[in-house]
Amino acid sequence: MNAVLVVLLVCGGLTVLFLVFVYLITFLFRYACVLCGLPKPSMWTAFGVLCLIWICKSVVEALMKLTVAEGSRQAGLPPWEGWLIVLILLLPVDLMISASLHAALMGIRFGKGIEVWFVQMLIIGAIVAAIAGVAAVYILAAA
């Protein structure tokens, strides 16, 4: 009986964390739209746009990973180099997919879609850099 309760609490906690993560990503997208001078999309519209972008990007990423992994294997490269190649190649692909879908679904120009993507990535990068900085200060202070 105790194990069932623990499993339910863990599943409930993971569900809540997932919903908070989705809300934060949607909030960042909406905020990026406002910073670029576009009207603020509704939460459901932003969620739908982000879901479609994620689906399209996931399909392309899977095909790219498969292609690069096979090419890396034939070239004799270690698997971590293939992962790095995919990471670098996926950035412009992500830009094109995100900007084009955002422009098509929201009725804006393609250039504004690129601008929203850059602003969103800058915000996410700043958050990641701040977290890494706090972690580095904590690790250095603990040593």
Protein backbone atom coordinates (compact mmCIF):
# COMPACT_ATOMS: atom_id res chain seq x y z
CA MET A 1 0.00 0.00 0.00
CA ASN A 2 2.85 2.36 0.81
CA ALA A 3 4.60 1.75 -2.53
CA VAL A 4 1.41 2.57 -4.44
CA LEU A 5 1.14 5.88 -2.63
CA VAL A 6 4.77 6.73 -3.42
CA VAL A 7 4.25 5.89 -7.12
CA LEU A 8 1.12 8.06 -7.24
CA LEU A 9 2.92 10.96 -5.56
CA VAL A 10 5.88 10.69 -7.93
CA CYS A 11 3.62 10.53 -11.00
CA GLY A 12 1.56 13.46 -9.74
CA GLY A 13 4.69 15.48 -9.02
CA LEU A 14 6.13 14.76 -12.46
CA THR A 15 2.85 15.78 -14.07
CA VAL A 16 2.82 19.07 -12.17
CA LEU A 17 6.47 19.75 -13.10
CA PHE A 18 5.70 19.02 -16.76
CA LEU A 19 2.74 21.41 -16.73
CA VAL A 20 4.84 24.14 -15.08
CA PHE A 21 7.57 23.61 -17.71
CA VAL A 22 5.04 23.87 -20.56
CA TYR A 23 3.58 27.02 -19.02
CA LEU A 24 7.03 28.62 -18.69
CA ILE A 25 8.01 27.81 -22.29
CA THR A 26 4.67 29.19 -23.52
CA PHE A 27 5.12 32.30 -21.37
CA LEU A 28 8.61 32.86 -22.83
CA PHE A 29 7.22 32.55 -26.36
CA ARG A 30 4.46 35.05 -25.62
CA TYR A 31 6.94 37.43 -23.99
CA ALA A 32 9.27 37.15 -27.01
CA CYS A 33 6.35 38.08 -29.26
CA VAL A 34 5.66 41.18 -27.15
CA LEU A 35 9.34 42.18 -27.14
CA CYS A 36 9.36 41.96 -30.95
CA GLY A 37 6.40 44.34 -31.23
CA LEU A 38 3.82 41.71 -32.14
CA PRO A 39 0.44 41.34 -30.47
CA LYS A 40 0.52 38.94 -27.54
CA PRO A 41 -0.98 35.59 -28.61
CA SER A 42 -3.40 33.83 -26.30
CA MET A 43 -2.03 31.03 -24.16
CA TRP A 44 -3.78 28.34 -26.23
CA THR A 45 -2.61 29.83 -29.53
CA ALA A 46 0.97 29.99 -28.30
CA PHE A 47 0.70 26.43 -26.97
CA GLY A 48 -0.62 25.19 -30.32
CA VAL A 49 2.10 26.95 -32.30
CA LEU A 50 4.80 25.56 -29.99
CA CYS A 51 3.35 22.03 -30.21
CA LEU A 52 3.36 22.11 -34.02
CA ILE A 53 6.90 23.47 -34.06
CA TRP A 54 7.99 20.73 -31.64
CA ILE A 55 6.38 17.98 -33.75
CA CYS A 56 7.94 19.19 -37.00
CA LYS A 57 11.31 19.74 -35.37
CA SER A 58 11.26 16.29 -33.76
CA VAL A 59 10.68 14.56 -37.10
CA VAL A 60 13.53 16.46 -38.75
CA GLU A 61 15.80 15.88 -35.76
CA ALA A 62 15.15 12.15 -35.81
CA LEU A 63 15.96 11.93 -39.52
CA MET A 64 19.07 14.05 -39.04
CA LYS A 65 20.27 11.94 -36.09
CA LEU A 66 19.81 8.76 -38.10
CA THR A 67 21.66 10.16 -41.10
CA VAL A 68 24.54 11.61 -39.08
CA ALA A 69 24.85 8.48 -36.92
CA GLU A 70 25.15 6.28 -40.00
CA GLY A 71 27.61 8.67 -41.64
CA SER A 72 29.66 8.89 -38.43
CA ARG A 73 29.71 5.13 -38.11
CA GLN A 74 30.95 4.72 -41.68
CA ALA A 75 33.57 7.45 -41.18
CA GLY A 76 34.75 5.88 -37.94
CA LEU A 77 33.87 8.87 -35.74
CA PRO A 78 32.94 8.38 -32.09
CA PRO A 79 29.23 8.74 -31.24
CA TRP A 80 29.71 11.96 -29.23
CA GLU A 81 31.04 13.74 -32.33
CA GLY A 82 27.90 12.72 -34.21
CA TRP A 83 25.80 14.21 -31.43
CA LEU A 84 27.78 17.46 -31.65
CA ILE A 85 27.31 17.58 -35.43
CA VAL A 86 23.54 17.13 -35.02
CA LEU A 87 23.43 19.87 -32.39
CA ILE A 88 25.21 22.33 -34.68
CA LEU A 89 23.20 21.39 -37.77
CA LEU A 90 19.89 21.54 -35.94
CA LEU A 91 20.13 25.23 -35.00
CA PRO A 92 19.52 26.65 -38.50
CA VAL A 93 16.93 23.96 -39.18
CA ASP A 94 15.15 24.89 -35.94
CA LEU A 95 15.29 28.55 -36.97
CA MET A 96 13.72 27.87 -40.36
CA ILE A 97 11.00 25.56 -39.02
CA SER A 98 10.10 27.81 -36.10
CA ALA A 99 10.11 31.05 -38.08
CA SER A 100 8.14 29.66 -41.02
CA LEU A 101 5.49 27.97 -38.88
CA HIS A 102 5.17 31.00 -36.63
CA ALA A 103 4.80 33.27 -39.64
CA ALA A 104 2.28 31.00 -41.33
CA LEU A 105 0.15 30.28 -38.27
CA MET A 106 0.18 33.77 -36.77
CA GLY A 107 -0.09 35.73 -40.01
CA ILE A 108 3.14 37.67 -39.65
CA ARG A 109 6.15 38.22 -41.89
CA PHE A 110 8.89 35.60 -42.00
CA GLY A 111 11.46 38.12 -40.75
CA LYS A 112 9.39 38.74 -37.62
CA GLY A 113 9.29 34.98 -37.07
CA ILE A 114 13.10 34.92 -37.18
CA GLU A 115 13.20 37.83 -34.75
CA VAL A 116 10.88 36.04 -32.30
CA TRP A 117 13.05 32.90 -32.51
CA PHE A 118 16.22 34.87 -31.76
CA VAL A 119 14.65 36.73 -28.84
CA GLN A 120 13.25 33.49 -27.42
CA MET A 121 16.64 31.75 -27.70
CA LEU A 122 18.35 34.76 -26.05
CA ILE A 123 15.94 34.61 -23.12
CA ILE A 124 16.42 30.85 -22.73
CA GLY A 125 20.21 31.25 -23.05
CA ALA A 126 20.23 33.97 -20.40
CA ILE A 127 18.26 31.75 -18.02
CA VAL A 128 20.60 28.80 -18.61
CA ALA A 129 23.66 31.04 -18.15
CA ALA A 130 22.25 32.43 -14.90
CA ILE A 131 21.57 28.93 -13.56
CA ALA A 132 25.07 27.80 -14.59
CA GLY A 133 26.59 30.87 -12.94
CA VAL A 134 24.76 30.26 -9.67
CA ALA A 135 25.79 26.59 -9.77
CA ALA A 136 29.41 27.54 -10.44
CA VAL A 137 29.46 30.02 -7.54
CA TYR A 138 27.91 27.38 -5.28
CA ILE A 139 30.45 24.74 -6.32
CA LEU A 140 33.36 27.17 -5.87
CA ALA A 141 32.07 28.33 -2.50
CA ALA A 142 31.63 24.75 -1.29
CA ALA A 143 35.20 23.80 -2.19
